[in-house]
């Protein structure tokens, strides 16, 4: 896709030099389950990974009775909770605000991150591994999305020229990601 046909969101994503890799699949395929197994392996390989997960529904990470919840309910648009071990920023929007991936990436502390993994945003054009389980009866995504760089499935399927990974062999997927990081001279977000 050349710059003339890119959306402003895609142009912003290309300004980042940070490698961003998505996991694209239909609901129920096991994206989160796979990522929970994959993240420790990437960490063991020395990578500092940030994770962005798109939610299609209202969610709340705060609980009634907690100070941060009460401050947000009282009217704070942003509440940051910080300790010596972690911090969390909760941002309330005045109106419905569909999250934009470049905006979310910019909110990360990218100085400490080697790789951003993204669950969701499958309709955007950036490198993705498609997760597919033929038994679910869903169509493959990669024939209609040229940003898919590999397919991980639980059966032998025709992926054309794309690498076929075993969705149940997390070590294989981690190896593929490391190879992609080592051999990609230019990330789409540069």
N, C-alpha and C. Protein backbone atom coordinates (compact mmCIF):
# COMPACT_ATOMS: atom_id res chain seq x y z
N UNK A 1 0.85 -1.16 0.00
CA UNK A 1 0.00 0.00 0.00
C UNK A 1 0.90 1.23 0.00
N UNK A 2 0.74 2.13 -0.94
CA UNK A 2 1.58 3.30 -0.96
C UNK A 2 0.98 4.39 -0.08
N UNK A 3 1.80 5.43 0.19
CA UNK A 3 1.37 6.46 1.13
C UNK A 3 0.11 7.17 0.68
N UNK A 4 -0.12 7.27 -0.64
CA UNK A 4 -1.29 7.98 -1.14
C UNK A 4 -2.59 7.28 -0.75
N UNK A 5 -2.56 5.96 -0.54
CA UNK A 5 -3.78 5.23 -0.23
C UNK A 5 -3.86 4.84 1.25
N UNK A 6 -2.89 5.28 2.05
CA UNK A 6 -2.91 4.93 3.47
C UNK A 6 -3.81 5.87 4.24
N UNK A 7 -4.42 5.32 5.27
CA UNK A 7 -5.20 6.15 6.17
C UNK A 7 -4.24 6.91 7.07
N UNK A 8 -4.68 8.01 7.68
CA UNK A 8 -3.83 8.72 8.63
C UNK A 8 -3.35 7.82 9.75
N UNK A 9 -4.20 6.87 10.18
CA UNK A 9 -3.81 5.93 11.24
C UNK A 9 -2.64 5.07 10.79
N UNK A 10 -2.68 4.56 9.56
CA UNK A 10 -1.60 3.72 9.05
C UNK A 10 -0.32 4.53 8.89
N UNK A 11 -0.42 5.79 8.47
CA UNK A 11 0.77 6.63 8.35
C UNK A 11 1.41 6.85 9.70
N UNK A 12 0.62 7.07 10.76
CA UNK A 12 1.16 7.24 12.11
C UNK A 12 1.87 5.97 12.57
N UNK A 13 1.28 4.80 12.26
CA UNK A 13 1.87 3.53 12.68
C UNK A 13 3.22 3.35 12.01
N UNK A 14 3.38 3.83 10.78
CA UNK A 14 4.63 3.64 10.07
C UNK A 14 5.73 4.56 10.59
N UNK A 15 5.38 5.57 11.37
CA UNK A 15 6.38 6.47 11.90
C UNK A 15 7.13 5.84 13.07
N UNK A 16 6.62 4.80 13.65
CA UNK A 16 7.25 4.11 14.77
C UNK A 16 8.29 3.13 14.24
N UNK A 17 9.42 3.02 14.91
CA UNK A 17 10.46 2.06 14.51
C UNK A 17 10.35 0.77 15.30
N UNK A 18 9.38 0.66 16.12
CA UNK A 18 9.21 -0.49 16.99
C UNK A 18 8.52 -1.63 16.24
N UNK A 19 9.06 -2.85 16.30
CA UNK A 19 8.37 -3.96 15.65
C UNK A 19 7.03 -4.26 16.34
N UNK A 20 5.99 -4.35 15.52
CA UNK A 20 4.64 -4.62 16.00
C UNK A 20 4.14 -5.83 15.24
N UNK A 21 3.67 -6.84 15.98
CA UNK A 21 3.18 -8.08 15.37
C UNK A 21 1.83 -8.42 15.96
N UNK A 22 0.87 -8.64 15.09
CA UNK A 22 -0.48 -8.95 15.54
C UNK A 22 -0.80 -10.42 15.50
N UNK A 23 -1.82 -10.80 16.23
CA UNK A 23 -2.38 -12.15 16.19
C UNK A 23 -3.83 -11.98 15.81
N UNK A 24 -4.17 -12.50 14.64
CA UNK A 24 -5.47 -12.29 14.04
C UNK A 24 -6.23 -13.60 13.99
N UNK A 25 -7.46 -13.57 14.46
CA UNK A 25 -8.30 -14.77 14.45
C UNK A 25 -9.70 -14.39 14.85
N UNK A 26 -10.61 -15.29 14.57
CA UNK A 26 -11.98 -15.09 15.01
C UNK A 26 -12.08 -15.44 16.49
N UNK A 27 -13.09 -14.89 17.14
CA UNK A 27 -13.33 -15.16 18.55
C UNK A 27 -13.46 -16.67 18.78
N UNK A 28 -12.85 -17.13 19.85
CA UNK A 28 -12.94 -18.54 20.20
C UNK A 28 -11.82 -19.40 19.64
N UNK A 29 -10.90 -18.79 18.90
CA UNK A 29 -9.79 -19.54 18.29
C UNK A 29 -8.68 -19.81 19.29
N UNK A 30 -8.57 -18.99 20.32
CA UNK A 30 -7.54 -19.22 21.33
C UNK A 30 -6.40 -18.23 21.29
N UNK A 31 -6.66 -17.00 20.87
CA UNK A 31 -5.60 -15.99 20.80
C UNK A 31 -4.98 -15.76 22.17
N UNK A 32 -5.81 -15.46 23.16
CA UNK A 32 -5.29 -15.15 24.49
C UNK A 32 -4.59 -16.36 25.09
N UNK A 33 -5.16 -17.54 24.95
CA UNK A 33 -4.53 -18.76 25.48
C UNK A 33 -3.15 -18.97 24.89
N UNK A 34 -3.02 -18.76 23.58
CA UNK A 34 -1.72 -18.89 22.93
C UNK A 34 -0.74 -17.85 23.46
N UNK A 35 -1.18 -16.61 23.56
CA UNK A 35 -0.30 -15.54 24.01
C UNK A 35 0.18 -15.76 25.45
N UNK A 36 -0.68 -16.30 26.28
CA UNK A 36 -0.29 -16.59 27.67
C UNK A 36 0.85 -17.61 27.71
N UNK A 37 0.87 -18.54 26.77
CA UNK A 37 1.96 -19.52 26.69
C UNK A 37 3.18 -18.95 25.98
N UNK A 38 2.96 -18.07 25.02
CA UNK A 38 4.03 -17.52 24.20
C UNK A 38 4.86 -16.47 24.93
N UNK A 39 4.24 -15.61 25.70
CA UNK A 39 4.95 -14.52 26.37
C UNK A 39 6.10 -14.99 27.26
N UNK A 40 5.93 -16.01 28.09
CA UNK A 40 7.07 -16.46 28.90
C UNK A 40 8.25 -16.93 28.04
N UNK A 41 7.98 -17.57 26.91
CA UNK A 41 9.06 -18.03 26.03
C UNK A 41 9.82 -16.85 25.43
N UNK A 42 9.10 -15.83 25.01
CA UNK A 42 9.76 -14.65 24.45
C UNK A 42 10.58 -13.94 25.52
N UNK A 43 10.06 -13.92 26.74
CA UNK A 43 10.79 -13.30 27.85
C UNK A 43 12.07 -14.09 28.14
N UNK A 44 11.99 -15.42 28.12
CA UNK A 44 13.19 -16.25 28.32
C UNK A 44 14.24 -16.01 27.24
N UNK A 45 13.79 -15.60 26.06
CA UNK A 45 14.71 -15.32 24.96
C UNK A 45 15.27 -13.90 25.05
N UNK A 46 14.96 -13.20 26.15
CA UNK A 46 15.52 -11.88 26.38
C UNK A 46 14.73 -10.73 25.81
N UNK A 47 13.54 -10.97 25.32
CA UNK A 47 12.74 -9.90 24.75
C UNK A 47 11.87 -9.24 25.80
N UNK A 48 11.79 -7.93 25.75
CA UNK A 48 10.85 -7.17 26.56
C UNK A 48 9.66 -6.87 25.66
N UNK A 49 8.52 -7.45 26.00
CA UNK A 49 7.34 -7.41 25.12
C UNK A 49 6.24 -6.58 25.76
N UNK A 50 5.65 -5.70 24.97
CA UNK A 50 4.44 -4.98 25.38
C UNK A 50 3.26 -5.66 24.67
N UNK A 51 2.12 -5.61 25.30
CA UNK A 51 0.94 -6.28 24.77
C UNK A 51 -0.20 -5.28 24.68
N UNK A 52 -0.86 -5.25 23.53
CA UNK A 52 -2.06 -4.44 23.36
C UNK A 52 -3.19 -5.39 22.97
N UNK A 53 -4.27 -5.35 23.73
CA UNK A 53 -5.43 -6.21 23.46
C UNK A 53 -6.63 -5.32 23.19
N UNK A 54 -7.26 -5.54 22.06
CA UNK A 54 -8.46 -4.78 21.70
C UNK A 54 -9.68 -5.48 22.29
N UNK A 55 -10.52 -4.72 22.96
CA UNK A 55 -11.76 -5.26 23.51
C UNK A 55 -12.91 -4.68 22.72
N UNK A 56 -13.87 -5.51 22.36
CA UNK A 56 -15.02 -5.07 21.59
C UNK A 56 -16.20 -4.71 22.49
N UNK A 57 -15.95 -4.54 23.75
CA UNK A 57 -17.05 -4.29 24.67
C UNK A 57 -16.55 -3.42 25.81
N UNK A 58 -17.46 -2.96 26.62
CA UNK A 58 -17.11 -2.17 27.78
C UNK A 58 -16.37 -3.06 28.77
N UNK A 59 -15.33 -2.52 29.36
CA UNK A 59 -14.60 -3.29 30.36
C UNK A 59 -14.16 -2.33 31.46
N UNK A 60 -13.82 -2.87 32.60
CA UNK A 60 -13.33 -2.06 33.70
C UNK A 60 -12.27 -2.84 34.45
N UNK A 61 -11.11 -2.23 34.63
CA UNK A 61 -10.05 -2.91 35.37
C UNK A 61 -10.05 -2.48 36.83
N UNK A 62 -10.91 -1.54 37.15
CA UNK A 62 -10.98 -1.01 38.49
C UNK A 62 -12.19 -1.58 39.21
N UNK A 63 -12.18 -1.48 40.54
CA UNK A 63 -13.27 -2.05 41.32
C UNK A 63 -13.89 -1.00 42.24
N UNK A 64 -15.20 -1.05 42.37
CA UNK A 64 -15.85 -0.14 43.33
C UNK A 64 -15.23 -0.30 44.72
N UNK A 65 -15.06 0.83 45.39
CA UNK A 65 -14.47 0.81 46.72
C UNK A 65 -12.99 1.12 46.71
N UNK A 66 -12.31 0.92 45.58
CA UNK A 66 -10.89 1.25 45.46
C UNK A 66 -10.77 2.76 45.24
N UNK A 67 -9.71 3.36 45.77
CA UNK A 67 -9.53 4.81 45.64
C UNK A 67 -9.53 5.25 44.19
N UNK A 68 -8.83 4.52 43.33
CA UNK A 68 -8.75 4.92 41.92
C UNK A 68 -10.13 4.89 41.26
N UNK A 69 -10.92 3.91 41.58
CA UNK A 69 -12.28 3.82 41.04
C UNK A 69 -13.11 5.01 41.51
N UNK A 70 -13.03 5.31 42.80
CA UNK A 70 -13.81 6.41 43.36
C UNK A 70 -13.38 7.75 42.76
N UNK A 71 -12.07 7.94 42.52
CA UNK A 71 -11.58 9.18 41.91
C UNK A 71 -12.06 9.32 40.47
N UNK A 72 -12.08 8.22 39.75
CA UNK A 72 -12.56 8.24 38.37
C UNK A 72 -14.06 8.52 38.34
N UNK A 73 -14.81 7.88 39.24
CA UNK A 73 -16.25 8.11 39.30
C UNK A 73 -16.56 9.55 39.71
N UNK A 74 -15.65 10.17 40.46
CA UNK A 74 -15.85 11.55 40.89
C UNK A 74 -15.59 12.54 39.76
N UNK A 75 -15.00 12.08 38.66
CA UNK A 75 -14.85 12.97 37.51
C UNK A 75 -13.48 13.05 36.89
N UNK A 76 -12.49 12.37 37.41
CA UNK A 76 -11.16 12.42 36.80
C UNK A 76 -11.19 11.69 35.45
N UNK A 77 -10.72 12.35 34.40
CA UNK A 77 -10.67 11.72 33.07
C UNK A 77 -9.52 10.73 32.96
N UNK A 78 -8.46 10.98 33.72
CA UNK A 78 -7.33 10.05 33.75
C UNK A 78 -6.94 9.81 35.20
N UNK A 79 -6.71 8.56 35.52
CA UNK A 79 -6.24 8.19 36.85
C UNK A 79 -5.06 7.26 36.65
N UNK A 80 -3.91 7.62 37.23
CA UNK A 80 -2.76 6.73 37.19
C UNK A 80 -2.54 6.19 38.59
N UNK A 81 -2.44 4.89 38.68
CA UNK A 81 -2.14 4.22 39.93
C UNK A 81 -0.72 3.69 39.79
N UNK A 82 0.13 4.01 40.76
CA UNK A 82 1.53 3.61 40.65
C UNK A 82 2.04 3.09 41.99
N UNK A 83 2.89 2.08 41.90
CA UNK A 83 3.57 1.55 43.08
C UNK A 83 5.01 1.27 42.69
N UNK A 84 5.75 0.66 43.60
CA UNK A 84 7.14 0.34 43.29
C UNK A 84 7.25 -0.85 42.34
N UNK A 85 6.15 -1.51 42.02
CA UNK A 85 6.17 -2.68 41.15
C UNK A 85 5.46 -2.49 39.81
N UNK A 86 4.50 -1.56 39.73
CA UNK A 86 3.74 -1.39 38.49
C UNK A 86 3.01 -0.07 38.50
N UNK A 87 2.50 0.28 37.30
CA UNK A 87 1.63 1.44 37.19
C UNK A 87 0.55 1.12 36.17
N UNK A 88 -0.57 1.78 36.32
CA UNK A 88 -1.68 1.62 35.39
C UNK A 88 -2.30 2.98 35.15
N UNK A 89 -2.61 3.26 33.90
CA UNK A 89 -3.27 4.50 33.54
C UNK A 89 -4.66 4.15 33.02
N UNK A 90 -5.66 4.73 33.63
CA UNK A 90 -7.04 4.52 33.21
C UNK A 90 -7.51 5.85 32.61
N UNK A 91 -7.96 5.80 31.38
CA UNK A 91 -8.43 7.01 30.69
C UNK A 91 -9.89 6.85 30.34
N UNK A 92 -10.69 7.80 30.75
CA UNK A 92 -12.10 7.84 30.42
C UNK A 92 -12.28 8.78 29.24
N UNK A 93 -13.11 8.40 28.29
CA UNK A 93 -13.42 9.27 27.16
C UNK A 93 -14.79 9.89 27.37
N UNK A 94 -14.92 11.14 26.99
CA UNK A 94 -16.20 11.85 27.12
C UNK A 94 -17.26 11.26 26.20
N UNK A 95 -16.83 10.87 25.00
CA UNK A 95 -17.74 10.29 24.02
C UNK A 95 -17.16 8.95 23.58
N UNK A 96 -17.95 8.16 22.88
CA UNK A 96 -17.45 6.89 22.37
C UNK A 96 -16.21 7.17 21.52
N UNK A 97 -15.16 6.45 21.81
CA UNK A 97 -13.86 6.69 21.18
C UNK A 97 -13.25 5.34 20.81
N UNK A 98 -13.36 4.98 19.54
CA UNK A 98 -12.78 3.70 19.11
C UNK A 98 -11.26 3.81 19.22
N UNK A 99 -10.61 2.91 19.93
CA UNK A 99 -9.17 3.01 20.11
C UNK A 99 -8.43 2.90 18.78
N UNK A 100 -7.40 3.71 18.62
CA UNK A 100 -6.57 3.71 17.42
C UNK A 100 -5.22 3.09 17.79
N UNK A 101 -4.79 2.11 17.03
CA UNK A 101 -3.56 1.40 17.36
C UNK A 101 -2.34 2.32 17.48
N UNK A 102 -2.11 3.26 16.58
CA UNK A 102 -0.94 4.13 16.74
C UNK A 102 -0.98 4.93 18.06
N UNK A 103 -2.17 5.37 18.45
CA UNK A 103 -2.34 6.10 19.70
C UNK A 103 -1.98 5.20 20.89
N UNK A 104 -2.39 3.95 20.82
CA UNK A 104 -2.10 3.02 21.91
C UNK A 104 -0.61 2.71 21.98
N UNK A 105 0.02 2.54 20.82
CA UNK A 105 1.46 2.28 20.79
C UNK A 105 2.22 3.47 21.37
N UNK A 106 1.81 4.68 21.01
CA UNK A 106 2.47 5.89 21.53
C UNK A 106 2.32 6.02 23.04
N UNK A 107 1.27 5.44 23.61
CA UNK A 107 1.07 5.52 25.05
C UNK A 107 1.99 4.57 25.82
N UNK A 108 2.63 3.63 25.11
CA UNK A 108 3.55 2.69 25.76
C UNK A 108 4.88 3.36 26.06
N UNK A 109 5.59 2.82 27.03
CA UNK A 109 6.97 3.26 27.30
C UNK A 109 7.87 2.48 26.34
N UNK A 110 7.94 2.94 25.11
CA UNK A 110 8.64 2.20 24.05
C UNK A 110 10.15 2.15 24.24
N UNK A 111 10.69 2.96 25.12
CA UNK A 111 12.14 2.93 25.37
C UNK A 111 12.58 1.61 26.01
N UNK A 112 11.64 0.92 26.63
CA UNK A 112 11.98 -0.33 27.32
C UNK A 112 11.44 -1.57 26.62
N UNK A 113 10.92 -1.41 25.39
CA UNK A 113 10.23 -2.50 24.71
C UNK A 113 10.98 -2.91 23.45
N UNK A 114 11.09 -4.24 23.24
CA UNK A 114 11.70 -4.77 22.02
C UNK A 114 10.67 -5.11 20.97
N UNK A 115 9.45 -5.41 21.40
CA UNK A 115 8.41 -5.90 20.51
C UNK A 115 7.04 -5.60 21.11
N UNK A 116 6.10 -5.19 20.25
CA UNK A 116 4.72 -5.02 20.68
C UNK A 116 3.89 -6.11 20.02
N UNK A 117 3.21 -6.91 20.82
CA UNK A 117 2.27 -7.90 20.31
C UNK A 117 0.87 -7.32 20.44
N UNK A 118 0.06 -7.56 19.42
CA UNK A 118 -1.28 -7.00 19.38
C UNK A 118 -2.29 -8.12 19.18
N UNK A 119 -3.29 -8.15 20.04
CA UNK A 119 -4.41 -9.08 19.87
C UNK A 119 -5.61 -8.26 19.43
N UNK A 120 -6.02 -8.50 18.21
CA UNK A 120 -7.13 -7.74 17.65
C UNK A 120 -6.65 -6.80 16.55
N UNK A 121 -7.48 -5.83 16.21
CA UNK A 121 -7.19 -4.87 15.14
C UNK A 121 -6.91 -5.61 13.83
N UNK A 122 -7.61 -6.71 13.59
CA UNK A 122 -7.29 -7.54 12.43
C UNK A 122 -7.58 -6.86 11.10
N UNK A 123 -8.35 -5.79 11.11
CA UNK A 123 -8.68 -5.13 9.85
C UNK A 123 -7.62 -4.10 9.44
N UNK A 124 -6.64 -3.84 10.31
CA UNK A 124 -5.56 -2.93 9.96
C UNK A 124 -4.45 -3.68 9.24
N UNK A 125 -3.69 -2.96 8.45
CA UNK A 125 -2.60 -3.57 7.70
C UNK A 125 -1.29 -3.41 8.47
N UNK A 126 -0.87 -4.46 9.13
CA UNK A 126 0.42 -4.57 9.80
C UNK A 126 0.71 -6.05 9.96
N UNK A 127 1.96 -6.46 10.14
CA UNK A 127 2.28 -7.89 10.17
C UNK A 127 1.48 -8.64 11.23
N UNK A 128 0.92 -9.77 10.80
CA UNK A 128 0.09 -10.58 11.70
C UNK A 128 0.32 -12.06 11.45
N UNK A 129 0.17 -12.82 12.50
CA UNK A 129 0.09 -14.27 12.40
C UNK A 129 -1.39 -14.62 12.56
N UNK A 130 -1.93 -15.30 11.56
CA UNK A 130 -3.32 -15.73 11.65
C UNK A 130 -3.40 -17.04 12.43
N UNK A 131 -4.31 -17.11 13.38
CA UNK A 131 -4.58 -18.35 14.09
C UNK A 131 -5.86 -18.93 13.50
N UNK A 132 -5.81 -20.23 13.17
CA UNK A 132 -6.96 -20.83 12.49
C UNK A 132 -7.20 -22.25 13.00
N UNK A 133 -8.45 -22.53 13.29
CA UNK A 133 -8.88 -23.88 13.67
C UNK A 133 -10.00 -24.27 12.71
N UNK A 134 -9.70 -25.12 11.71
CA UNK A 134 -10.72 -25.50 10.73
C UNK A 134 -12.01 -26.04 11.35
N UNK A 135 -11.90 -26.69 12.51
CA UNK A 135 -13.08 -27.27 13.15
C UNK A 135 -14.11 -26.22 13.57
N UNK A 136 -13.71 -24.95 13.66
CA UNK A 136 -14.65 -23.88 14.02
C UNK A 136 -15.50 -23.44 12.83
N UNK A 137 -15.12 -23.86 11.63
CA UNK A 137 -15.91 -23.55 10.45
C UNK A 137 -15.81 -22.11 9.97
N UNK A 138 -14.79 -21.41 10.37
CA UNK A 138 -14.60 -20.01 9.94
C UNK A 138 -13.69 -19.97 8.72
N UNK A 139 -13.87 -18.93 7.92
CA UNK A 139 -13.04 -18.75 6.72
C UNK A 139 -11.64 -18.29 7.12
N UNK A 140 -10.69 -18.61 6.27
CA UNK A 140 -9.33 -18.12 6.48
C UNK A 140 -9.29 -16.61 6.23
N UNK A 141 -8.45 -15.92 6.97
CA UNK A 141 -8.32 -14.47 6.86
C UNK A 141 -7.27 -14.09 5.82
N UNK A 142 -6.17 -14.87 5.75
CA UNK A 142 -5.03 -14.45 4.93
C UNK A 142 -5.33 -14.26 3.44
N UNK A 143 -6.28 -14.97 2.84
CA UNK A 143 -6.52 -14.71 1.42
C UNK A 143 -7.01 -13.29 1.12
N UNK A 144 -7.54 -12.64 2.14
CA UNK A 144 -8.08 -11.29 1.98
C UNK A 144 -7.25 -10.25 2.73
N UNK A 145 -6.15 -10.66 3.33
CA UNK A 145 -5.30 -9.75 4.13
C UNK A 145 -3.85 -10.05 3.81
N UNK A 146 -3.23 -9.23 2.97
CA UNK A 146 -1.84 -9.50 2.57
C UNK A 146 -0.83 -9.11 3.65
N UNK A 147 -1.29 -8.66 4.82
CA UNK A 147 -0.35 -8.38 5.90
C UNK A 147 -0.14 -9.59 6.81
N UNK A 148 -0.86 -10.69 6.56
CA UNK A 148 -0.63 -11.92 7.31
C UNK A 148 0.69 -12.52 6.82
N UNK A 149 1.61 -12.77 7.77
CA UNK A 149 2.94 -13.27 7.41
C UNK A 149 3.11 -14.77 7.68
N UNK A 150 2.16 -15.37 8.39
CA UNK A 150 2.18 -16.80 8.68
C UNK A 150 0.81 -17.21 9.21
N UNK A 151 0.53 -18.51 9.12
CA UNK A 151 -0.71 -19.05 9.65
C UNK A 151 -0.34 -20.14 10.66
N UNK A 152 -0.95 -20.08 11.82
CA UNK A 152 -0.78 -21.14 12.83
C UNK A 152 -2.12 -21.86 12.92
N UNK A 153 -2.11 -23.16 12.65
CA UNK A 153 -3.35 -23.94 12.64
C UNK A 153 -3.14 -25.25 13.38
N UNK A 154 -4.25 -25.92 13.69
CA UNK A 154 -4.16 -27.21 14.37
C UNK A 154 -4.37 -28.37 13.40
N UNK A 155 -4.42 -28.07 12.10
CA UNK A 155 -4.50 -29.09 11.06
C UNK A 155 -3.64 -28.64 9.90
N UNK A 156 -3.28 -29.58 9.05
CA UNK A 156 -2.52 -29.26 7.84
C UNK A 156 -3.48 -28.61 6.84
N UNK A 157 -3.21 -27.35 6.51
CA UNK A 157 -4.05 -26.62 5.56
C UNK A 157 -3.17 -25.97 4.51
N UNK A 158 -3.77 -25.62 3.39
CA UNK A 158 -3.03 -24.96 2.31
C UNK A 158 -2.93 -23.47 2.62
N UNK A 159 -1.70 -23.00 2.83
CA UNK A 159 -1.46 -21.59 3.10
C UNK A 159 -0.72 -20.92 1.95
N UNK A 160 -0.64 -21.59 0.82
CA UNK A 160 0.07 -21.00 -0.31
C UNK A 160 1.54 -20.83 0.01
N UNK A 161 2.05 -19.63 -0.17
CA UNK A 161 3.46 -19.34 0.10
C UNK A 161 3.74 -18.97 1.56
N UNK A 162 2.70 -18.85 2.36
CA UNK A 162 2.90 -18.46 3.76
C UNK A 162 3.36 -19.65 4.59
N UNK A 163 4.24 -19.40 5.57
CA UNK A 163 4.62 -20.47 6.49
C UNK A 163 3.41 -20.98 7.26
N UNK A 164 3.33 -22.29 7.44
CA UNK A 164 2.30 -22.91 8.25
C UNK A 164 2.94 -23.36 9.55
N UNK A 165 2.44 -22.83 10.66
CA UNK A 165 2.94 -23.16 11.99
C UNK A 165 1.90 -24.01 12.71
N UNK A 166 2.35 -24.78 13.67
CA UNK A 166 1.45 -25.59 14.48
C UNK A 166 1.00 -24.76 15.68
N UNK A 167 -0.29 -24.45 15.75
CA UNK A 167 -0.82 -23.61 16.81
C UNK A 167 -0.58 -24.21 18.20
N UNK A 168 -0.36 -25.54 18.27
CA UNK A 168 -0.12 -26.22 19.54
C UNK A 168 1.35 -26.33 19.89
N UNK A 169 2.23 -25.83 19.03
CA UNK A 169 3.67 -25.85 19.28
C UNK A 169 4.15 -24.41 19.49
N UNK A 170 3.97 -23.93 20.70
CA UNK A 170 4.28 -22.53 21.01
C UNK A 170 5.76 -22.22 20.78
N UNK A 171 6.63 -23.20 21.02
CA UNK A 171 8.06 -22.99 20.79
C UNK A 171 8.33 -22.70 19.32
N UNK A 172 7.61 -23.36 18.43
CA UNK A 172 7.75 -23.12 17.00
C UNK A 172 7.33 -21.69 16.64
N UNK A 173 6.26 -21.22 17.24
CA UNK A 173 5.78 -19.87 16.98
C UNK A 173 6.78 -18.85 17.53
N UNK A 174 7.32 -19.10 18.72
CA UNK A 174 8.33 -18.20 19.29
C UNK A 174 9.56 -18.16 18.38
N UNK A 175 9.97 -19.30 17.86
CA UNK A 175 11.11 -19.34 16.94
C UNK A 175 10.83 -18.55 15.67
N UNK A 176 9.61 -18.66 15.16
CA UNK A 176 9.23 -17.91 13.96
C UNK A 176 9.32 -16.41 14.24
N UNK A 177 8.82 -15.98 15.41
CA UNK A 177 8.86 -14.55 15.76
C UNK A 177 10.30 -14.07 15.86
N UNK A 178 11.15 -14.84 16.50
CA UNK A 178 12.57 -14.44 16.60
C UNK A 178 13.22 -14.36 15.24
N UNK A 179 12.92 -15.31 14.36
CA UNK A 179 13.46 -15.28 13.01
C UNK A 179 12.96 -14.04 12.27
N UNK A 180 11.68 -13.73 12.43
CA UNK A 180 11.09 -12.54 11.80
C UNK A 180 11.79 -11.28 12.30
N UNK A 181 12.03 -11.21 13.62
CA UNK A 181 12.72 -10.04 14.18
C UNK A 181 14.14 -9.93 13.64
N UNK A 182 14.84 -11.06 13.51
CA UNK A 182 16.23 -11.07 13.05
C UNK A 182 16.37 -10.77 11.56
N UNK A 183 15.39 -11.18 10.76
CA UNK A 183 15.56 -11.08 9.31
C UNK A 183 14.79 -9.93 8.67
N UNK A 184 13.89 -9.31 9.41
CA UNK A 184 13.14 -8.19 8.83
C UNK A 184 14.01 -6.94 8.90
N UNK A 185 14.45 -6.48 7.75
CA UNK A 185 15.29 -5.29 7.73
C UNK A 185 14.46 -4.03 7.88
N UNK A 186 13.19 -4.12 7.57
CA UNK A 186 12.32 -2.95 7.70
C UNK A 186 10.96 -3.43 8.22
N UNK A 187 10.54 -2.85 9.33
CA UNK A 187 9.22 -3.16 9.87
C UNK A 187 8.22 -2.20 9.26
N UNK A 188 7.00 -2.62 9.04
CA UNK A 188 6.01 -1.75 8.43
C UNK A 188 5.74 -0.47 9.22
N UNK A 189 6.14 -0.42 10.47
CA UNK A 189 5.88 0.76 11.28
C UNK A 189 7.04 1.75 11.22
N UNK A 190 8.06 1.50 10.39
CA UNK A 190 9.18 2.43 10.30
C UNK A 190 8.83 3.57 9.40
